[in-house]
Amino acid sequence: MVINFSILDHTRVKDLKIITILALAFLHVSCTSYRRDDYFNYHGFVDKRLGRDTFKITYNGRLFIDLEKAIDFCLLRCSEITLERGYKYFRVTESNNGIYPHLIRADSHETITAIPLLIANTIISNVEEVVAVNIIVCKKTPPPNSNEFYSAEKIRNLIRDKYGMPK
C-alpha cells in the first residue's frame, strides 16, 4: 500500500507518525529485554574489564523495563561474568542505579509549500531511561568471615527463576 502524503493534511500525517511510533514501541517491548547491548538497539548489558578480577557491568533497560528489573538483570550479568571467568564469588564494590532523562531523535518528513522535505534528527520526546551499573570484584573463594560476597551460581539461578528464564 502506497500512501501519497501530498494529498493528506498535516494532522493525518502527524497521526500516522504517532501510530507508527506506538506500534514500533509495542513490538520492541514484546522482545526479550535481557541481551547484550548493540549499536542498533541501545539497550541491554555492556561489560568492561577494569582489572585482573574487576569488571564494570552496565544494564540499560531504556524505557522498556522498571528499575528493579534493570538491577536484577545487572546482577544476573555480574554472576554470568564471574562464572565465565572461572570464579565462583563476586562482591559489588560500587553501584549506581537510576532513571535518567533521554531524548529520542528520529527523522521527520514534512511538507513546506508543497515541497517534501526530510528534517533529520527531530526531537520526538524526552523519555526516561532505566540504568543499573555495578563494579564487581571476582574471587574463587571468599575471604574468611566475609558476608559481602555473593555466590554467582545462586544469584544466577535466583534471578533466572524469578523471571522464568532458562538455566
Protein backbone atom coordinates (compact mmCIF):
# COMPACT_ATOMS: atom_id res chain seq x y z
CA MET A 1 0.00 0.00 0.00
CA VAL A 2 1.44 3.35 -1.04
CA ILE A 3 0.33 6.48 0.78
CA ASN A 4 0.59 9.76 -1.08
CA PHE A 5 1.47 12.21 1.68
CA SER A 6 0.95 15.22 -0.60
CA ILE A 7 -2.84 14.75 -0.53
CA LEU A 8 -3.05 14.16 3.23
CA ASP A 9 -3.36 17.12 5.56
CA HIS A 10 -0.73 17.69 8.26
CA THR A 11 -3.00 16.37 11.03
CA ARG A 12 -3.38 12.97 9.40
CA VAL A 13 0.37 12.76 8.73
CA LYS A 14 1.10 13.51 12.38
CA ASP A 15 -1.49 10.90 13.45
CA LEU A 16 0.19 8.35 11.18
CA LYS A 17 3.58 9.16 12.76
CA ILE A 18 2.22 8.71 16.27
CA ILE A 19 0.55 5.41 15.39
CA THR A 20 3.76 4.16 13.75
CA ILE A 21 5.90 5.14 16.76
CA LEU A 22 3.48 3.47 19.18
CA ALA A 23 3.37 0.29 17.07
CA LEU A 24 7.16 0.11 16.93
CA ALA A 25 7.41 0.72 20.68
CA PHE A 26 4.90 -2.09 21.32
CA LEU A 27 6.86 -4.51 19.13
CA HIS A 28 10.08 -3.50 20.85
CA VAL A 29 8.61 -4.04 24.33
CA SER A 30 7.43 -7.51 23.41
CA CYS A 31 11.00 -8.58 22.61
CA THR A 32 13.28 -10.16 25.21
CA SER A 33 14.84 -7.43 27.31
CA TYR A 34 17.84 -9.38 28.63
CA ARG A 35 20.52 -9.26 25.98
CA ARG A 36 23.84 -7.72 25.03
CA ASP A 37 23.63 -4.06 24.06
CA ASP A 38 24.27 -3.39 20.40
CA TYR A 39 24.56 -0.34 18.18
CA PHE A 40 21.02 -0.55 16.81
CA ASN A 41 19.01 -1.32 19.96
CA TYR A 42 20.98 0.56 22.60
CA HIS A 43 19.53 -1.39 25.46
CA GLY A 44 20.89 -4.41 27.21
CA PHE A 45 24.13 -5.11 29.05
CA VAL A 46 27.68 -3.97 28.43
CA ASP A 47 30.73 -5.49 30.19
CA LYS A 48 34.08 -3.83 30.66
CA ARG A 49 37.13 -5.39 32.28
CA LEU A 50 38.78 -2.90 34.65
CA GLY A 51 41.46 -5.17 36.13
CA ARG A 52 42.50 -8.80 36.50
CA ASP A 53 39.41 -9.67 38.56
CA THR A 54 37.44 -6.40 38.40
CA PHE A 55 34.60 -5.68 35.97
CA LYS A 56 32.08 -2.94 35.25
CA ILE A 57 28.66 -4.16 34.14
CA THR A 58 26.04 -1.74 32.83
CA TYR A 59 22.46 -2.70 32.08
CA ASN A 60 20.44 -0.14 30.13
CA GLY A 61 16.75 -1.01 30.13
CA ARG A 62 15.72 2.20 28.36
CA LEU A 63 12.05 2.89 29.00
CA PHE A 64 11.01 -0.74 28.46
CA ILE A 65 11.54 -2.15 31.98
CA ASP A 66 11.35 -0.92 35.56
CA LEU A 67 14.32 -0.14 37.80
CA GLU A 68 14.01 -3.36 39.86
CA LYS A 69 14.27 -5.50 36.74
CA ALA A 70 17.27 -3.49 35.46
CA ILE A 71 19.04 -4.01 38.80
CA ASP A 72 18.24 -7.73 38.71
CA PHE A 73 19.47 -8.08 35.11
CA CYS A 74 22.67 -6.24 36.00
CA LEU A 75 23.24 -8.66 38.91
CA LEU A 76 22.47 -11.58 36.60
CA ARG A 77 25.16 -10.40 34.21
CA CYS A 78 27.57 -9.93 37.15
CA SER A 79 27.04 -13.58 38.10
CA GLU A 80 27.50 -14.73 34.49
CA ILE A 81 30.74 -12.77 34.10
CA THR A 82 32.01 -14.25 37.37
CA LEU A 83 31.30 -17.82 36.26
CA GLU A 84 32.55 -17.28 32.67
CA ARG A 85 35.92 -16.09 34.02
CA GLY A 86 36.36 -19.15 36.25
CA TYR A 87 35.42 -17.50 39.56
CA LYS A 88 32.64 -18.54 41.95
CA TYR A 89 32.00 -15.42 44.04
CA PHE A 90 31.69 -11.70 43.45
CA ARG A 91 31.33 -8.57 45.54
CA VAL A 92 29.71 -5.35 44.34
CA THR A 93 32.19 -2.59 45.18
CA GLU A 94 30.26 0.23 43.56
CA SER A 95 26.67 0.51 42.39
CA ASN A 96 24.84 3.28 40.57
CA ASN A 97 21.20 2.75 39.63
CA GLY A 98 18.59 5.19 38.50
CA ILE A 99 16.19 6.65 35.99
CA TYR A 100 17.64 9.34 33.74
CA PRO A 101 16.19 11.64 31.04
CA HIS A 102 16.94 10.69 27.44
CA LEU A 103 15.95 12.37 24.17
CA ILE A 104 14.66 10.21 21.33
CA ARG A 105 15.57 11.56 17.92
CA ALA A 106 14.31 10.50 14.51
CA ASP A 107 13.95 11.83 11.01
CA SER A 108 10.80 13.77 10.21
CA HIS A 109 9.15 14.07 6.80
CA GLU A 110 7.39 17.42 6.39
CA THR A 111 5.94 19.41 3.51
CA ILE A 112 6.67 23.12 3.22
CA THR A 113 4.89 24.99 0.43
CA ALA A 114 4.11 21.69 -1.31
CA ILE A 115 7.80 20.66 -1.34
CA PRO A 116 8.54 17.46 0.61
CA LEU A 117 11.47 17.82 3.00
CA LEU A 118 13.39 15.48 5.26
CA ILE A 119 14.27 17.05 8.60
CA ALA A 120 16.95 14.93 10.24
CA ASN A 121 17.19 14.34 14.00
CA THR A 122 13.89 15.85 15.01
CA ILE A 123 13.36 15.53 18.77
CA ILE A 124 10.34 13.31 19.30
CA SER A 125 10.17 13.30 23.07
CA ASN A 126 12.07 13.31 26.32
CA VAL A 127 11.74 9.84 27.86
CA GLU A 128 13.11 8.17 30.94
CA GLU A 129 15.97 5.68 30.69
CA VAL A 130 16.46 2.98 33.34
CA VAL A 131 20.13 2.18 34.02
CA ALA A 132 21.88 -0.10 36.53
CA VAL A 133 25.68 -0.15 36.88
CA ASN A 134 27.80 -2.40 39.10
CA ILE A 135 31.54 -2.62 39.55
CA ILE A 136 32.45 -6.07 40.87
CA VAL A 137 35.48 -7.93 42.17
CA CYS A 138 35.53 -11.68 41.50
CA LYS A 139 37.13 -14.36 43.72
CA LYS A 140 37.48 -18.13 43.56
CA THR A 141 36.90 -18.34 47.33
CA PRO A 142 35.56 -15.53 49.50
CA PRO A 143 37.75 -14.18 52.31
CA PRO A 144 37.04 -15.76 55.73
CA ASN A 145 34.21 -14.11 57.73
CA SER A 146 33.13 -12.02 54.74
CA ASN A 147 29.41 -11.52 54.20
CA GLU A 148 29.95 -9.16 51.27
CA PHE A 149 30.48 -11.82 48.59
CA TYR A 150 27.65 -13.41 46.61
CA SER A 151 27.66 -16.93 45.22
CA ALA A 152 27.48 -16.30 41.47
CA GLU A 153 25.66 -19.57 40.83
CA LYS A 154 22.98 -18.86 43.46
CA ILE A 155 22.37 -15.32 42.21
CA ARG A 156 22.17 -16.50 38.60
CA ASN A 157 19.65 -19.23 39.47
CA LEU A 158 17.52 -16.96 41.70
CA ILE A 159 17.17 -14.26 39.05
CA ARG A 160 16.54 -16.70 36.21
CA ASP A 161 13.84 -18.40 38.32
CA LYS A 162 12.29 -15.05 39.24
CA TYR A 163 11.82 -14.10 35.56
CA GLY A 164 11.17 -17.61 34.16
CA MET A 165 14.39 -17.64 32.14
CA PRO A 166 16.06 -20.89 31.06
CA LYS A 167 19.04 -22.09 33.12
